[in-house]
PDB file of N, CA and C in Angstrom:
ATOM      1  N   MET A   1       0.851  -1.172   0.000  1.00  0.00           N
ATOM      2  CA  MET A   1       0.000   0.000   0.000  1.00  0.00           C
ATOM      3  C   MET A   1       0.888   1.224   0.000  1.00  0.00           C
ATOM      4  N   GLY A   2       0.587   2.170  -0.841  1.00  0.00           N
ATOM      5  CA  GLY A   2       1.395   3.376  -0.923  1.00  0.00           C
ATOM      6  C   GLY A   2       0.540   4.622  -0.868  1.00  0.00           C
ATOM      7  N   LEU A   3       1.207   5.705  -0.622  1.00  0.00           N
ATOM      8  CA  LEU A   3       0.562   7.012  -0.595  1.00  0.00           C
ATOM      9  C   LEU A   3       1.255   7.861  -1.641  1.00  0.00           C
ATOM     10  N   ARG A   4       0.476   8.529  -2.453  1.00  0.00           N
ATOM     11  CA  ARG A   4       1.051   9.332  -3.526  1.00  0.00           C
ATOM     12  C   ARG A   4       0.425  10.709  -3.506  1.00  0.00           C
ATOM     13  N   PHE A   5       1.267  11.727  -3.481  1.00  0.00           N
ATOM     14  CA  PHE A   5       0.808  13.107  -3.547  1.00  0.00           C
ATOM     15  C   PHE A   5       1.008  13.611  -4.968  1.00  0.00           C
ATOM     16  N   VAL A   6      -0.017  14.239  -5.519  1.00  0.00           N
ATOM     17  CA  VAL A   6       0.069  14.834  -6.849  1.00  0.00           C
ATOM     18  C   VAL A   6      -0.219  16.315  -6.672  1.00  0.00           C
ATOM     19  N   TYR A   7       0.747  17.135  -7.015  1.00  0.00           N
ATOM     20  CA  TYR A   7       0.572  18.577  -6.828  1.00  0.00           C
ATOM     21  C   TYR A   7       1.133  19.336  -8.019  1.00  0.00           C
ATOM     22  N   GLY A   8       0.672  20.557  -8.178  1.00  0.00           N
ATOM     23  CA  GLY A   8       1.113  21.404  -9.276  1.00  0.00           C
ATOM     24  C   GLY A   8       0.175  22.587  -9.420  1.00  0.00           C
ATOM     25  N   ARG A   9       0.482  23.422 -10.353  1.00  0.00           N
ATOM     26  CA  ARG A   9      -0.337  24.614 -10.594  1.00  0.00           C
ATOM     27  C   ARG A   9      -1.691  24.244 -11.196  1.00  0.00           C
ATOM     28  N   ALA A  10      -2.620  25.172 -11.084  1.00  0.00           N
ATOM     29  CA  ALA A  10      -3.958  24.972 -11.652  1.00  0.00           C
ATOM     30  C   ALA A  10      -3.867  24.771 -13.163  1.00  0.00           C
ATOM     31  N   GLY A  11      -4.647  23.838 -13.657  1.00  0.00           N
ATOM     32  CA  GLY A  11      -4.722  23.619 -15.094  1.00  0.00           C
ATOM     33  C   GLY A  11      -3.599  22.787 -15.682  1.00  0.00           C
ATOM     34  N   THR A  12      -2.816  22.106 -14.846  1.00  0.00           N
ATOM     35  CA  THR A  12      -1.696  21.318 -15.369  1.00  0.00           C
ATOM     36  C   THR A  12      -2.038  19.844 -15.559  1.00  0.00           C
ATOM     37  N   GLY A  13      -3.288  19.440 -15.268  1.00  0.00           N
ATOM     38  CA  GLY A  13      -3.713  18.066 -15.516  1.00  0.00           C
ATOM     39  C   GLY A  13      -3.593  17.124 -14.328  1.00  0.00           C
ATOM     40  N   LYS A  14      -3.522  17.657 -13.128  1.00  0.00           N
ATOM     41  CA  LYS A  14      -3.398  16.811 -11.932  1.00  0.00           C
ATOM     42  C   LYS A  14      -4.587  15.871 -11.782  1.00  0.00           C
ATOM     43  N   SER A  15      -5.782  16.410 -11.895  1.00  0.00           N
ATOM     44  CA  SER A  15      -6.986  15.592 -11.720  1.00  0.00           C
ATOM     45  C   SER A  15      -7.074  14.518 -12.793  1.00  0.00           C
ATOM     46  N   ASP A  16      -6.838  14.879 -14.038  1.00  0.00           N
ATOM     47  CA  ASP A  16      -6.879  13.894 -15.123  1.00  0.00           C
ATOM     48  C   ASP A  16      -5.850  12.797 -14.901  1.00  0.00           C
ATOM     49  N   PHE A  17      -4.662  13.170 -14.450  1.00  0.00           N
ATOM     50  CA  PHE A  17      -3.621  12.190 -14.150  1.00  0.00           C
ATOM     51  C   PHE A  17      -4.109  11.213 -13.081  1.00  0.00           C
ATOM     52  N   CYS A  18      -4.703  11.747 -12.016  1.00  0.00           N
ATOM     53  CA  CYS A  18      -5.196  10.898 -10.924  1.00  0.00           C
ATOM     54  C   CYS A  18      -6.260   9.923 -11.415  1.00  0.00           C
ATOM     55  N   PHE A  19      -7.203  10.414 -12.192  1.00  0.00           N
ATOM     56  CA  PHE A  19      -8.274   9.547 -12.675  1.00  0.00           C
ATOM     57  C   PHE A  19      -7.746   8.471 -13.617  1.00  0.00           C
ATOM     58  N   GLN A  20      -6.789   8.805 -14.449  1.00  0.00           N
ATOM     59  CA  GLN A  20      -6.197   7.805 -15.342  1.00  0.00           C
ATOM     60  C   GLN A  20      -5.412   6.754 -14.557  1.00  0.00           C
ATOM     61  N   GLU A  21      -4.723   7.169 -13.503  1.00  0.00           N
ATOM     62  CA  GLU A  21      -3.999   6.224 -12.645  1.00  0.00           C
ATOM     63  C   GLU A  21      -4.972   5.292 -11.926  1.00  0.00           C
ATOM     64  N   ILE A  22      -6.076   5.834 -11.477  1.00  0.00           N
ATOM     65  CA  ILE A  22      -7.094   4.999 -10.837  1.00  0.00           C
ATOM     66  C   ILE A  22      -7.628   3.983 -11.838  1.00  0.00           C
ATOM     67  N   LYS A  23      -7.941   4.436 -13.033  1.00  0.00           N
ATOM     68  CA  LYS A  23      -8.450   3.535 -14.074  1.00  0.00           C
ATOM     69  C   LYS A  23      -7.449   2.425 -14.374  1.00  0.00           C
ATOM     70  N   ARG A  24      -6.181   2.786 -14.424  1.00  0.00           N
ATOM     71  CA  ARG A  24      -5.132   1.819 -14.747  1.00  0.00           C
ATOM     72  C   ARG A  24      -4.934   0.782 -13.637  1.00  0.00           C
ATOM     73  N   ASN A  25      -5.149   1.169 -12.399  1.00  0.00           N
ATOM     74  CA  ASN A  25      -4.850   0.300 -11.262  1.00  0.00           C
ATOM     75  C   ASN A  25      -6.069  -0.258 -10.535  1.00  0.00           C
ATOM     76  N   ILE A  26      -7.250   0.035 -11.006  1.00  0.00           N
ATOM     77  CA  ILE A  26      -8.458  -0.317 -10.257  1.00  0.00           C
ATOM     78  C   ILE A  26      -8.664  -1.819 -10.094  1.00  0.00           C
ATOM     79  N   ASP A  27      -8.217  -2.620 -11.021  1.00  0.00           N
ATOM     80  CA  ASP A  27      -8.427  -4.063 -10.922  1.00  0.00           C
ATOM     81  C   ASP A  27      -7.483  -4.728  -9.930  1.00  0.00           C
ATOM     82  N   ASN A  28      -6.380  -4.071  -9.613  1.00  0.00           N
ATOM     83  CA  ASN A  28      -5.354  -4.694  -8.781  1.00  0.00           C
ATOM     84  C   ASN A  28      -5.341  -4.226  -7.334  1.00  0.00           C
ATOM     85  N   ASN A  29      -5.924  -3.077  -7.048  1.00  0.00           N
ATOM     86  CA  ASN A  29      -5.781  -2.465  -5.732  1.00  0.00           C
ATOM     87  C   ASN A  29      -7.066  -1.816  -5.258  1.00  0.00           C
ATOM     88  N   ARG A  30      -7.146  -1.614  -3.954  1.00  0.00           N
ATOM     89  CA  ARG A  30      -8.198  -0.780  -3.358  1.00  0.00           C
ATOM     90  C   ARG A  30      -7.654   0.639  -3.381  1.00  0.00           C
ATOM     91  N   ILE A  31      -8.389   1.578  -3.966  1.00  0.00           N
ATOM     92  CA  ILE A  31      -7.889   2.938  -4.175  1.00  0.00           C
ATOM     93  C   ILE A  31      -8.808   3.942  -3.495  1.00  0.00           C
ATOM     94  N   TYR A  32      -8.188   4.885  -2.775  1.00  0.00           N
ATOM     95  CA  TYR A  32      -8.916   5.977  -2.139  1.00  0.00           C
ATOM     96  C   TYR A  32      -8.395   7.285  -2.702  1.00  0.00           C
ATOM     97  N   MET A  33      -9.296   8.118  -3.168  1.00  0.00           N
ATOM     98  CA  MET A  33      -8.934   9.457  -3.626  1.00  0.00           C
ATOM     99  C   MET A  33      -9.458  10.434  -2.584  1.00  0.00           C
ATOM    100  N   ILE A  34      -8.562  11.164  -1.943  1.00  0.00           N
ATOM    101  CA  ILE A  34      -8.941  12.090  -0.880  1.00  0.00           C
ATOM    102  C   ILE A  34      -9.049  13.486  -1.473  1.00  0.00           C
ATOM    103  N   THR A  35     -10.216  14.099  -1.295  1.00  0.00           N
ATOM    104  CA  THR A  35     -10.482  15.411  -1.883  1.00  0.00           C
ATOM    105  C   THR A  35     -11.080  16.352  -0.842  1.00  0.00           C
ATOM    106  N   PRO A  36     -10.991  17.642  -1.086  1.00  0.00           N
ATOM    107  CA  PRO A  36     -11.713  18.587  -0.228  1.00  0.00           C
ATOM    108  C   PRO A  36     -13.224  18.374  -0.383  1.00  0.00           C
ATOM    109  N   GLU A  37     -13.961  18.749   0.635  1.00  0.00           N
ATOM    110  CA  GLU A  37     -15.421  18.561   0.657  1.00  0.00           C
ATOM    111  C   GLU A  37     -16.100  19.101  -0.605  1.00  0.00           C
ATOM    112  N   GLN A  38     -15.716  20.292  -1.038  1.00  0.00           N
ATOM    113  CA  GLN A  38     -16.391  20.941  -2.167  1.00  0.00           C
ATOM    114  C   GLN A  38     -16.107  20.258  -3.509  1.00  0.00           C
ATOM    115  N   PHE A  39     -15.140  19.349  -3.568  1.00  0.00           N
ATOM    116  CA  PHE A  39     -14.788  18.685  -4.818  1.00  0.00           C
ATOM    117  C   PHE A  39     -15.271  17.236  -4.855  1.00  0.00           C
ATOM    118  N   SER A  40     -15.809  16.726  -3.751  1.00  0.00           N
ATOM    119  CA  SER A  40     -16.107  15.295  -3.664  1.00  0.00           C
ATOM    120  C   SER A  40     -17.161  14.829  -4.677  1.00  0.00           C
ATOM    121  N   PHE A  41     -18.250  15.565  -4.837  1.00  0.00           N
ATOM    122  CA  PHE A  41     -19.286  15.152  -5.785  1.00  0.00           C
ATOM    123  C   PHE A  41     -18.756  15.159  -7.215  1.00  0.00           C
ATOM    124  N   THR A  42     -18.044  16.213  -7.569  1.00  0.00           N
ATOM    125  CA  THR A  42     -17.458  16.314  -8.907  1.00  0.00           C
ATOM    126  C   THR A  42     -16.480  15.176  -9.151  1.00  0.00           C
ATOM    127  N   ALA A  43     -15.673  14.854  -8.149  1.00  0.00           N
ATOM    128  CA  ALA A  43     -14.694  13.777  -8.288  1.00  0.00           C
ATOM    129  C   ALA A  43     -15.382  12.426  -8.451  1.00  0.00           C
ATOM    130  N   GLU A  44     -16.431  12.176  -7.690  1.00  0.00           N
ATOM    131  CA  GLU A  44     -17.168  10.920  -7.824  1.00  0.00           C
ATOM    132  C   GLU A  44     -17.781  10.789  -9.217  1.00  0.00           C
ATOM    133  N   LYS A  45     -18.363  11.855  -9.694  1.00  0.00           N
ATOM    134  CA  LYS A  45     -18.973  11.859 -11.028  1.00  0.00           C
ATOM    135  C   LYS A  45     -17.918  11.614 -12.109  1.00  0.00           C
ATOM    136  N   LYS A  46     -16.805  12.298 -12.007  1.00  0.00           N
ATOM    137  CA  LYS A  46     -15.717  12.145 -12.985  1.00  0.00           C
ATOM    138  C   LYS A  46     -15.142  10.727 -12.940  1.00  0.00           C
ATOM    139  N   LEU A  47     -15.017  10.163 -11.745  1.00  0.00           N
ATOM    140  CA  LEU A  47     -14.505   8.800 -11.610  1.00  0.00           C
ATOM    141  C   LEU A  47     -15.387   7.815 -12.366  1.00  0.00           C
ATOM    142  N   MET A  48     -16.698   7.960 -12.232  1.00  0.00           N
ATOM    143  CA  MET A  48     -17.621   7.081 -12.949  1.00  0.00           C
ATOM    144  C   MET A  48     -17.487   7.235 -14.461  1.00  0.00           C
ATOM    145  N   GLU A  49     -17.284   8.467 -14.917  1.00  0.00           N
ATOM    146  CA  GLU A  49     -17.121   8.712 -16.353  1.00  0.00           C
ATOM    147  C   GLU A  49     -15.834   8.084 -16.873  1.00  0.00           C
ATOM    148  N   VAL A  50     -14.752   8.243 -16.139  1.00  0.00           N
ATOM    149  CA  VAL A  50     -13.452   7.732 -16.585  1.00  0.00           C
ATOM    150  C   VAL A  50     -13.428   6.208 -16.568  1.00  0.00           C
ATOM    151  N   ILE A  51     -13.970   5.613 -15.520  1.00  0.00           N
ATOM    152  CA  ILE A  51     -13.986   4.156 -15.403  1.00  0.00           C
ATOM    153  C   ILE A  51     -14.993   3.546 -16.379  1.00  0.00           C
ATOM    154  N   GLU A  52     -15.945   4.340 -16.834  1.00  0.00           N
ATOM    155  CA  GLU A  52     -16.970   3.916 -17.786  1.00  0.00           C
ATOM    156  C   GLU A  52     -17.840   2.788 -17.223  1.00  0.00           C
ATOM    157  N   THR A  53     -18.340   3.018 -16.021  1.00  0.00           N
ATOM    158  CA  THR A  53     -19.213   2.047 -15.377  1.00  0.00           C
ATOM    159  C   THR A  53     -20.205   2.772 -14.480  1.00  0.00           C
ATOM    160  N   GLU A  54     -21.208   2.035 -14.038  1.00  0.00           N
ATOM    161  CA  GLU A  54     -22.200   2.624 -13.139  1.00  0.00           C
ATOM    162  C   GLU A  54     -21.903   2.333 -11.676  1.00  0.00           C
ATOM    163  N   ALA A  55     -20.991   1.397 -11.422  1.00  0.00           N
ATOM    164  CA  ALA A  55     -20.629   1.055 -10.043  1.00  0.00           C
ATOM    165  C   ALA A  55     -19.127   0.796  -9.965  1.00  0.00           C
ATOM    166  N   VAL A  56     -18.515   1.350  -8.952  1.00  0.00           N
ATOM    167  CA  VAL A  56     -17.079   1.167  -8.735  1.00  0.00           C
ATOM    168  C   VAL A  56     -16.910   0.589  -7.335  1.00  0.00           C
ATOM    169  N   PHE A  57     -16.253  -0.563  -7.240  1.00  0.00           N
ATOM    170  CA  PHE A  57     -16.105  -1.216  -5.945  1.00  0.00           C
ATOM    171  C   PHE A  57     -14.699  -1.096  -5.369  1.00  0.00           C
ATOM    172  N   ASN A  58     -13.699  -0.924  -6.198  1.00  0.00           N
ATOM    173  CA  ASN A  58     -12.320  -0.870  -5.720  1.00  0.00           C
ATOM    174  C   ASN A  58     -11.775   0.538  -5.581  1.00  0.00           C
ATOM    175  N   ALA A  59     -12.548   1.546  -5.896  1.00  0.00           N
ATOM    176  CA  ALA A  59     -12.085   2.934  -5.781  1.00  0.00           C
ATOM    177  C   ALA A  59     -13.157   3.752  -5.081  1.00  0.00           C
ATOM    178  N   GLU A  60     -12.683   4.688  -4.270  1.00  0.00           N
ATOM    179  CA  GLU A  60     -13.625   5.497  -3.506  1.00  0.00           C
ATOM    180  C   GLU A  60     -13.082   6.907  -3.340  1.00  0.00           C
ATOM    181  N   VAL A  61     -13.962   7.879  -3.465  1.00  0.00           N
ATOM    182  CA  VAL A  61     -13.618   9.280  -3.218  1.00  0.00           C
ATOM    183  C   VAL A  61     -14.015   9.594  -1.782  1.00  0.00           C
ATOM    184  N   LEU A  62     -13.054  10.073  -1.004  1.00  0.00           N
ATOM    185  CA  LEU A  62     -13.301  10.414   0.397  1.00  0.00           C
ATOM    186  C   LEU A  62     -12.920  11.859   0.668  1.00  0.00           C
ATOM    187  N   THR A  63     -13.683  12.508   1.533  1.00  0.00           N
ATOM    188  CA  THR A  63     -13.268  13.819   2.032  1.00  0.00           C
ATOM    189  C   THR A  63     -12.391  13.571   3.255  1.00  0.00           C
ATOM    190  N   PHE A  64     -11.719  14.598   3.712  1.00  0.00           N
ATOM    191  CA  PHE A  64     -10.869  14.450   4.883  1.00  0.00           C
ATOM    192  C   PHE A  64     -11.689  14.029   6.103  1.00  0.00           C
ATOM    193  N   ASP A  65     -12.861  14.628   6.278  1.00  0.00           N
ATOM    194  CA  ASP A  65     -13.724  14.276   7.410  1.00  0.00           C
ATOM    195  C   ASP A  65     -14.187  12.825   7.333  1.00  0.00           C
ATOM    196  N   ARG A  66     -14.600  12.409   6.156  1.00  0.00           N
ATOM    197  CA  ARG A  66     -15.086  11.039   5.978  1.00  0.00           C
ATOM    198  C   ARG A  66     -13.965  10.028   6.201  1.00  0.00           C
ATOM    199  N   MET A  67     -12.760  10.357   5.745  1.00  0.00           N
ATOM    200  CA  MET A  67     -11.617   9.477   5.949  1.00  0.00           C
ATOM    201  C   MET A  67     -11.327   9.335   7.447  1.00  0.00           C
ATOM    202  N   ALA A  68     -11.350  10.443   8.183  1.00  0.00           N
ATOM    203  CA  ALA A  68     -11.103  10.408   9.627  1.00  0.00           C
ATOM    204  C   ALA A  68     -12.164   9.557  10.330  1.00  0.00           C
ATOM    205  N   TYR A  69     -13.416   9.718   9.935  1.00  0.00           N
ATOM    206  CA  TYR A  69     -14.511   8.937  10.510  1.00  0.00           C
ATOM    207  C   TYR A  69     -14.292   7.444  10.276  1.00  0.00           C
ATOM    208  N   ARG A  70     -13.904   7.089   9.062  1.00  0.00           N
ATOM    209  CA  ARG A  70     -13.647   5.690   8.725  1.00  0.00           C
ATOM    210  C   ARG A  70     -12.516   5.111   9.566  1.00  0.00           C
ATOM    211  N   ILE A  71     -11.444   5.879   9.695  1.00  0.00           N
ATOM    212  CA  ILE A  71     -10.296   5.413  10.479  1.00  0.00           C
ATOM    213  C   ILE A  71     -10.700   5.203  11.935  1.00  0.00           C
ATOM    214  N   MET A  72     -11.421   6.155  12.493  1.00  0.00           N
ATOM    215  CA  MET A  72     -11.851   6.037  13.889  1.00  0.00           C
ATOM    216  C   MET A  72     -12.742   4.808  14.092  1.00  0.00           C
ATOM    217  N   ASN A  73     -13.621   4.538  13.158  1.00  0.00           N
ATOM    218  CA  ASN A  73     -14.467   3.346  13.261  1.00  0.00           C
ATOM    219  C   ASN A  73     -13.669   2.068  13.074  1.00  0.00           C
ATOM    220  N   GLU A  74     -12.697   2.112  12.183  1.00  0.00           N
ATOM    221  CA  GLU A  74     -11.881   0.931  11.904  1.00  0.00           C
ATOM    222  C   GLU A  74     -11.086   0.497  13.129  1.00  0.00           C
ATOM    223  N   VAL A  75     -10.527   1.444  13.836  1.00  0.00           N
ATOM    224  CA  VAL A  75      -9.724   1.114  15.021  1.00  0.00           C
ATOM    225  C   VAL A  75     -10.563   1.157  16.297  1.00  0.00           C
ATOM    226  N   ARG A  76     -11.861   1.393  16.137  1.00  0.00           N
ATOM    227  CA  ARG A  76     -12.808   1.456  17.245  1.00  0.00           C
ATOM    228  C   ARG A  76     -12.385   2.472  18.298  1.00  0.00           C
ATOM    229  N   PHE A  77     -11.933   3.595  17.824  1.00  0.00           N
ATOM    230  CA  PHE A  77     -11.504   4.677  18.706  1.00  0.00           C
ATOM    231  C   PHE A  77     -12.680   5.191  19.517  1.00  0.00           C
ATOM    232  N   GLY A  78     -12.471   5.383  20.786  1.00  0.00           N
ATOM    233  CA  GLY A  78     -13.505   5.946  21.632  1.00  0.00           C
ATOM    234  C   GLY A  78     -14.440   4.929  22.249  1.00  0.00           C
ATOM    235  N   GLU A  79     -14.331   3.679  21.851  1.00  0.00           N
ATOM    236  CA  GLU A  79     -15.230   2.663  22.385  1.00  0.00           C
ATOM    237  C   GLU A  79     -15.059   2.506  23.897  1.00  0.00           C
ATOM    238  N   LYS A  80     -13.852   2.662  24.386  1.00  0.00           N
ATOM    239  CA  LYS A  80     -13.574   2.536  25.815  1.00  0.00           C
ATOM    240  C   LYS A  80     -14.091   3.742  26.597  1.00  0.00           C
ATOM    241  N   ASN A  81     -14.311   4.846  25.914  1.00  0.00           N
ATOM    242  CA  ASN A  81     -14.694   6.080  26.575  1.00  0.00           C
ATOM    243  C   ASN A  81     -16.203   6.319  26.608  1.00  0.00           C
ATOM    244  N   LYS A  82     -16.977   5.369  26.173  1.00  0.00           N
ATOM    245  CA  LYS A  82     -18.427   5.554  26.151  1.00  0.00           C
ATOM    246  C   LYS A  82     -18.989   5.559  27.568  1.00  0.00           C
ATOM    247  N   LEU A  83     -19.940   6.424  27.800  1.00  0.00           N
ATOM    248  CA  LEU A  83     -20.620   6.480  29.089  1.00  0.00           C
ATOM    249  C   LEU A  83     -21.741   5.456  29.120  1.00  0.00           C
ATOM    250  N   LYS A  84     -21.955   4.888  30.284  1.00  0.00           N
ATOM    251  CA  LYS A  84     -23.025   3.887  30.418  1.00  0.00           C
ATOM    252  C   LYS A  84     -24.112   4.406  31.302  1.00  0.00           C
TER     253      LYS A  84
END
């Protein structure tokens, strides 16, 4: 599992590069694309267009908040701190 940062100036093709990489690797790996909240719907829509399917199971667009929520649930953070 790896982490890859793609950065550059506006209009240089960062998003297109990311979507093409996801398309190229979707059959082999579980892929998460982390985006700001305001870009998540657009990214999900674009992912479906690039993959050319109606359902994607190995790739997911996450916002920072949603990713944090998933991690906390995965490690069951806070379960010991619940009030009874």
